[in-house]
Amino acid sequence: MTEPDLSDLRERAVHGDAEAGAELIELATERGDLNELRRLADAGSADATDELIQLAAEQGNIEELRRLSDSGNATATDQLIELATEQDNMEELRRLADRGNITAAEQLEELTAE
């Protein structure tokens, strides 16, 4: 897709064209474009948020998952805990546990007991 086509698609999505929005999400996901997905998610697209979380988890992007988690997204928090556990990232698990996340506290306890 050319840049002018992409710009047209974005413009249509901004003006409420649901098909254009869905196509943008699909294209961004296929390209691994976190920035595009973030822009769409920040504009209120739940589908873009879901794809952003999944892609960030697949890419091991702790920072993006943390940003979404810190803004209150429970799915991002779950993915963040899973990724931090896989990476033995005690610092991230401790940060979440200190904020009251029981799952993170349990994972931290399991990892430190090994």
N, C-alpha and C. Protein backbone atom coordinates (compact mmCIF):
# COMPACT_ATOMS: atom_id res chain seq x y z
N MET A 1 0.84 -1.17 0.00
CA MET A 1 0.00 0.00 0.00
C MET A 1 0.89 1.24 0.00
N THR A 2 0.55 2.17 -0.85
CA THR A 2 1.33 3.40 -0.95
C THR A 2 1.00 4.33 0.21
N GLU A 3 1.87 5.27 0.45
CA GLU A 3 1.64 6.24 1.53
C GLU A 3 0.38 7.06 1.29
N PRO A 4 0.12 7.51 0.04
CA PRO A 4 -1.15 8.24 -0.18
C PRO A 4 -2.39 7.36 0.12
N ASP A 5 -2.31 6.08 -0.23
CA ASP A 5 -3.43 5.18 0.06
C ASP A 5 -3.61 5.03 1.57
N LEU A 6 -2.50 4.91 2.27
CA LEU A 6 -2.54 4.78 3.72
C LEU A 6 -3.10 6.05 4.36
N SER A 7 -2.70 7.19 3.86
CA SER A 7 -3.21 8.47 4.37
C SER A 7 -4.72 8.57 4.14
N ASP A 8 -5.18 8.12 2.97
CA ASP A 8 -6.60 8.14 2.66
C ASP A 8 -7.35 7.21 3.62
N LEU A 9 -6.79 6.04 3.87
CA LEU A 9 -7.40 5.09 4.78
C LEU A 9 -7.50 5.67 6.19
N ARG A 10 -6.44 6.33 6.63
CA ARG A 10 -6.45 6.98 7.95
C ARG A 10 -7.53 8.06 8.02
N GLU A 11 -7.61 8.83 6.98
CA GLU A 11 -8.60 9.92 6.93
C GLU A 11 -10.02 9.35 7.01
N ARG A 12 -10.28 8.31 6.26
CA ARG A 12 -11.60 7.67 6.30
C ARG A 12 -11.90 7.12 7.69
N ALA A 13 -10.90 6.52 8.32
CA ALA A 13 -11.09 5.97 9.67
C ALA A 13 -11.40 7.07 10.67
N VAL A 14 -10.70 8.19 10.57
CA VAL A 14 -10.93 9.32 11.47
C VAL A 14 -12.37 9.83 11.35
N HIS A 15 -12.92 9.72 10.15
CA HIS A 15 -14.28 10.21 9.91
C HIS A 15 -15.33 9.13 10.12
N GLY A 16 -14.96 8.07 10.84
CA GLY A 16 -15.95 7.09 11.25
C GLY A 16 -16.16 5.89 10.36
N ASP A 17 -15.34 5.72 9.33
CA ASP A 17 -15.47 4.56 8.46
C ASP A 17 -14.90 3.33 9.18
N ALA A 18 -15.81 2.49 9.69
CA ALA A 18 -15.39 1.33 10.47
C ALA A 18 -14.55 0.35 9.65
N GLU A 19 -14.89 0.19 8.39
CA GLU A 19 -14.12 -0.72 7.53
C GLU A 19 -12.69 -0.22 7.35
N ALA A 20 -12.55 1.08 7.19
CA ALA A 20 -11.21 1.66 7.05
C ALA A 20 -10.42 1.46 8.34
N GLY A 21 -11.08 1.64 9.47
CA GLY A 21 -10.41 1.42 10.76
C GLY A 21 -9.96 -0.02 10.91
N ALA A 22 -10.83 -0.95 10.57
CA ALA A 22 -10.49 -2.36 10.66
C ALA A 22 -9.34 -2.71 9.73
N GLU A 23 -9.35 -2.14 8.54
CA GLU A 23 -8.26 -2.39 7.59
C GLU A 23 -6.94 -1.82 8.10
N LEU A 24 -7.00 -0.65 8.70
CA LEU A 24 -5.79 -0.05 9.28
C LEU A 24 -5.21 -0.95 10.37
N ILE A 25 -6.09 -1.46 11.22
CA ILE A 25 -5.64 -2.35 12.30
C ILE A 25 -5.00 -3.60 11.73
N GLU A 26 -5.64 -4.18 10.73
CA GLU A 26 -5.10 -5.38 10.10
C GLU A 26 -3.74 -5.12 9.45
N LEU A 27 -3.63 -4.03 8.73
CA LEU A 27 -2.35 -3.68 8.09
C LEU A 27 -1.26 -3.43 9.12
N ALA A 28 -1.60 -2.69 10.16
CA ALA A 28 -0.61 -2.38 11.20
C ALA A 28 -0.14 -3.66 11.89
N THR A 29 -1.07 -4.57 12.14
CA THR A 29 -0.72 -5.83 12.79
C THR A 29 0.19 -6.65 11.89
N GLU A 30 -0.15 -6.74 10.61
CA GLU A 30 0.67 -7.50 9.66
C GLU A 30 2.08 -6.92 9.56
N ARG A 31 2.19 -5.60 9.63
CA ARG A 31 3.49 -4.94 9.50
C ARG A 31 4.23 -4.87 10.84
N GLY A 32 3.56 -5.23 11.91
CA GLY A 32 4.19 -5.12 13.23
C GLY A 32 4.38 -3.67 13.64
N ASP A 33 3.47 -2.82 13.20
CA ASP A 33 3.58 -1.37 13.42
C ASP A 33 2.93 -0.97 14.74
N LEU A 34 3.73 -0.99 15.80
CA LEU A 34 3.22 -0.61 17.12
C LEU A 34 2.76 0.84 17.15
N ASN A 35 3.42 1.71 16.43
CA ASN A 35 3.05 3.13 16.45
C ASN A 35 1.64 3.35 15.90
N GLU A 36 1.34 2.68 14.78
CA GLU A 36 0.01 2.81 14.18
C GLU A 36 -1.05 2.23 15.12
N LEU A 37 -0.77 1.06 15.66
CA LEU A 37 -1.72 0.45 16.58
C LEU A 37 -1.91 1.31 17.83
N ARG A 38 -0.84 1.89 18.33
CA ARG A 38 -0.91 2.77 19.50
C ARG A 38 -1.78 3.98 19.19
N ARG A 39 -1.59 4.57 18.02
CA ARG A 39 -2.37 5.74 17.62
C ARG A 39 -3.86 5.39 17.58
N LEU A 40 -4.18 4.23 16.98
CA LEU A 40 -5.58 3.80 16.88
C LEU A 40 -6.16 3.46 18.25
N ALA A 41 -5.35 2.80 19.08
CA ALA A 41 -5.79 2.44 20.42
C ALA A 41 -6.04 3.71 21.25
N ASP A 42 -5.13 4.65 21.15
CA ASP A 42 -5.28 5.90 21.90
C ASP A 42 -6.49 6.71 21.44
N ALA A 43 -6.93 6.46 20.19
CA ALA A 43 -8.12 7.12 19.67
C ALA A 43 -9.40 6.40 20.09
N GLY A 44 -9.23 5.29 20.83
CA GLY A 44 -10.40 4.62 21.38
C GLY A 44 -10.76 3.28 20.79
N SER A 45 -9.94 2.75 19.89
CA SER A 45 -10.25 1.46 19.28
C SER A 45 -9.85 0.30 20.19
N ALA A 46 -10.86 -0.41 20.68
CA ALA A 46 -10.61 -1.57 21.53
C ALA A 46 -9.91 -2.68 20.73
N ASP A 47 -10.27 -2.82 19.46
CA ASP A 47 -9.63 -3.84 18.62
C ASP A 47 -8.14 -3.53 18.45
N ALA A 48 -7.83 -2.26 18.24
CA ALA A 48 -6.42 -1.87 18.10
C ALA A 48 -5.67 -2.11 19.40
N THR A 49 -6.32 -1.85 20.52
CA THR A 49 -5.70 -2.09 21.83
C THR A 49 -5.39 -3.57 22.00
N ASP A 50 -6.36 -4.42 21.65
CA ASP A 50 -6.14 -5.86 21.76
C ASP A 50 -4.97 -6.32 20.90
N GLU A 51 -4.92 -5.83 19.67
CA GLU A 51 -3.83 -6.20 18.76
C GLU A 51 -2.50 -5.65 19.25
N LEU A 52 -2.52 -4.45 19.80
CA LEU A 52 -1.31 -3.83 20.33
C LEU A 52 -0.75 -4.66 21.48
N ILE A 53 -1.62 -5.11 22.36
CA ILE A 53 -1.18 -5.93 23.49
C ILE A 53 -0.57 -7.23 23.00
N GLN A 54 -1.27 -7.87 22.07
CA GLN A 54 -0.78 -9.15 21.55
C GLN A 54 0.56 -8.98 20.84
N LEU A 55 0.68 -7.96 20.01
CA LEU A 55 1.92 -7.73 19.28
C LEU A 55 3.06 -7.36 20.22
N ALA A 56 2.77 -6.52 21.19
CA ALA A 56 3.81 -6.14 22.16
C ALA A 56 4.30 -7.36 22.93
N ALA A 57 3.38 -8.23 23.30
CA ALA A 57 3.76 -9.47 24.01
C ALA A 57 4.62 -10.36 23.11
N GLU A 58 4.22 -10.51 21.86
CA GLU A 58 4.98 -11.33 20.92
C GLU A 58 6.38 -10.78 20.70
N GLN A 59 6.49 -9.47 20.69
CA GLN A 59 7.78 -8.82 20.46
C GLN A 59 8.60 -8.69 21.75
N GLY A 60 8.02 -9.07 22.87
CA GLY A 60 8.73 -8.94 24.14
C GLY A 60 8.90 -7.50 24.57
N ASN A 61 7.95 -6.65 24.19
CA ASN A 61 8.04 -5.22 24.44
C ASN A 61 7.46 -4.87 25.82
N ILE A 62 8.31 -5.01 26.82
CA ILE A 62 7.92 -4.72 28.21
C ILE A 62 7.44 -3.28 28.37
N GLU A 63 8.10 -2.34 27.71
CA GLU A 63 7.76 -0.92 27.87
C GLU A 63 6.33 -0.64 27.42
N GLU A 64 5.95 -1.20 26.26
CA GLU A 64 4.59 -0.96 25.76
C GLU A 64 3.56 -1.62 26.67
N LEU A 65 3.83 -2.84 27.09
CA LEU A 65 2.90 -3.51 28.00
C LEU A 65 2.80 -2.75 29.32
N ARG A 66 3.91 -2.23 29.80
CA ARG A 66 3.90 -1.44 31.04
C ARG A 66 3.05 -0.18 30.87
N ARG A 67 3.22 0.49 29.75
CA ARG A 67 2.44 1.71 29.48
C ARG A 67 0.95 1.41 29.51
N LEU A 68 0.55 0.33 28.85
CA LEU A 68 -0.86 -0.03 28.80
C LEU A 68 -1.35 -0.51 30.17
N SER A 69 -0.53 -1.28 30.84
CA SER A 69 -0.88 -1.76 32.18
C SER A 69 -1.05 -0.59 33.14
N ASP A 70 -0.12 0.34 33.11
CA ASP A 70 -0.17 1.48 34.01
C ASP A 70 -1.37 2.39 33.75
N SER A 71 -1.93 2.29 32.53
CA SER A 71 -3.12 3.07 32.23
C SER A 71 -4.40 2.32 32.61
N GLY A 72 -4.22 1.13 33.20
CA GLY A 72 -5.37 0.40 33.73
C GLY A 72 -5.86 -0.77 32.91
N ASN A 73 -5.13 -1.16 31.88
CA ASN A 73 -5.56 -2.28 31.05
C ASN A 73 -5.17 -3.61 31.70
N ALA A 74 -6.16 -4.36 32.15
CA ALA A 74 -5.92 -5.61 32.87
C ALA A 74 -5.29 -6.68 31.98
N THR A 75 -5.69 -6.72 30.71
CA THR A 75 -5.11 -7.70 29.79
C THR A 75 -3.62 -7.42 29.60
N ALA A 76 -3.27 -6.16 29.48
CA ALA A 76 -1.85 -5.79 29.34
C ALA A 76 -1.09 -6.17 30.61
N THR A 77 -1.72 -6.00 31.76
CA THR A 77 -1.08 -6.38 33.02
C THR A 77 -0.81 -7.88 33.05
N ASP A 78 -1.80 -8.66 32.64
CA ASP A 78 -1.62 -10.11 32.60
C ASP A 78 -0.47 -10.50 31.67
N GLN A 79 -0.44 -9.89 30.50
CA GLN A 79 0.63 -10.19 29.54
C GLN A 79 1.99 -9.73 30.06
N LEU A 80 2.00 -8.60 30.75
CA LEU A 80 3.23 -8.08 31.33
C LEU A 80 3.77 -9.04 32.38
N ILE A 81 2.90 -9.55 33.22
CA ILE A 81 3.32 -10.51 34.25
C ILE A 81 3.86 -11.77 33.59
N GLU A 82 3.16 -12.25 32.57
CA GLU A 82 3.61 -13.46 31.87
C GLU A 82 4.98 -13.25 31.24
N LEU A 83 5.16 -12.13 30.57
CA LEU A 83 6.43 -11.84 29.91
C LEU A 83 7.55 -11.64 30.94
N ALA A 84 7.26 -10.91 31.99
CA ALA A 84 8.27 -10.68 33.03
C ALA A 84 8.68 -12.00 33.68
N THR A 85 7.72 -12.88 33.86
CA THR A 85 8.02 -14.20 34.44
C THR A 85 8.90 -15.00 33.50
N GLU A 86 8.56 -15.01 32.21
CA GLU A 86 9.36 -15.74 31.22
C GLU A 86 10.79 -15.22 31.17
N GLN A 87 10.94 -13.91 31.35
CA GLN A 87 12.26 -13.28 31.27
C GLN A 87 12.97 -13.22 32.62
N ASP A 88 12.37 -13.81 33.65
CA ASP A 88 12.92 -13.71 35.01
C ASP A 88 13.19 -12.25 35.40
N ASN A 89 12.27 -11.38 35.02
CA ASN A 89 12.41 -9.95 35.28
C ASN A 89 11.83 -9.63 36.66
N MET A 90 12.66 -9.87 37.66
CA MET A 90 12.24 -9.68 39.05
C MET A 90 11.86 -8.22 39.33
N GLU A 91 12.58 -7.30 38.72
CA GLU A 91 12.32 -5.88 38.95
C GLU A 91 10.90 -5.51 38.54
N GLU A 92 10.48 -5.98 37.36
CA GLU A 92 9.12 -5.67 36.89
C GLU A 92 8.07 -6.35 37.76
N LEU A 93 8.30 -7.59 38.10
CA LEU A 93 7.35 -8.29 38.97
C LEU A 93 7.26 -7.61 40.33
N ARG A 94 8.39 -7.17 40.86
CA ARG A 94 8.41 -6.47 42.15
C ARG A 94 7.64 -5.15 42.04
N ARG A 95 7.84 -4.45 40.95
CA ARG A 95 7.13 -3.17 40.73
C ARG A 95 5.62 -3.39 40.74
N LEU A 96 5.18 -4.43 40.04
CA LEU A 96 3.75 -4.73 39.99
C LEU A 96 3.24 -5.21 41.35
N ALA A 97 4.02 -6.05 42.00
CA ALA A 97 3.64 -6.55 43.33
C ALA A 97 3.53 -5.39 44.32
N ASP A 98 4.46 -4.46 44.25
CA ASP A 98 4.44 -3.30 45.14
C ASP A 98 3.21 -2.42 44.90
N ARG A 99 2.62 -2.53 43.70
CA ARG A 99 1.42 -1.78 43.38
C ARG A 99 0.16 -2.55 43.76
N GLY A 100 0.37 -3.72 44.38
CA GLY A 100 -0.76 -4.49 44.87
C GLY A 100 -1.23 -5.62 43.99
N ASN A 101 -0.47 -5.95 42.93
CA ASN A 101 -0.89 -7.03 42.05
C ASN A 101 -0.52 -8.37 42.68
N ILE A 102 -1.53 -9.14 43.05
CA ILE A 102 -1.32 -10.42 43.74
C ILE A 102 -0.65 -11.44 42.83
N THR A 103 -1.05 -11.49 41.56
CA THR A 103 -0.46 -12.46 40.63
C THR A 103 1.04 -12.20 40.48
N ALA A 104 1.41 -10.95 40.36
CA ALA A 104 2.84 -10.61 40.24
C ALA A 104 3.57 -11.01 41.51
N ALA A 105 2.96 -10.79 42.66
CA ALA A 105 3.58 -11.17 43.94
C ALA A 105 3.78 -12.68 44.01
N GLU A 106 2.78 -13.43 43.56
CA GLU A 106 2.89 -14.89 43.57
C GLU A 106 3.99 -15.37 42.63
N GLN A 107 4.06 -14.78 41.44
CA GLN A 107 5.10 -15.15 40.47
C GLN A 107 6.49 -14.82 41.03
N LEU A 108 6.59 -13.66 41.65
CA LEU A 108 7.86 -13.25 42.25
C LEU A 108 8.27 -14.22 43.33
N GLU A 109 7.33 -14.62 44.15
CA GLU A 109 7.62 -15.57 45.23
C GLU A 109 8.09 -16.92 44.65
N GLU A 110 7.41 -17.36 43.60
CA GLU A 110 7.81 -18.64 42.97
C GLU A 110 9.22 -18.56 42.38
N LEU A 111 9.52 -17.46 41.71
CA LEU A 111 10.83 -17.32 41.07
C LEU A 111 11.96 -17.20 42.10
N THR A 112 11.68 -16.52 43.19
CA THR A 112 12.73 -16.35 44.20
C THR A 112 12.91 -17.60 45.04
N ALA A 113 11.91 -18.49 45.04
CA ALA A 113 12.01 -19.74 45.80
C ALA A 113 12.82 -20.79 45.06
N GLU A 114 12.97 -20.60 43.74
CA GLU A 114 13.70 -21.60 42.94
C GLU A 114 15.17 -21.56 43.14
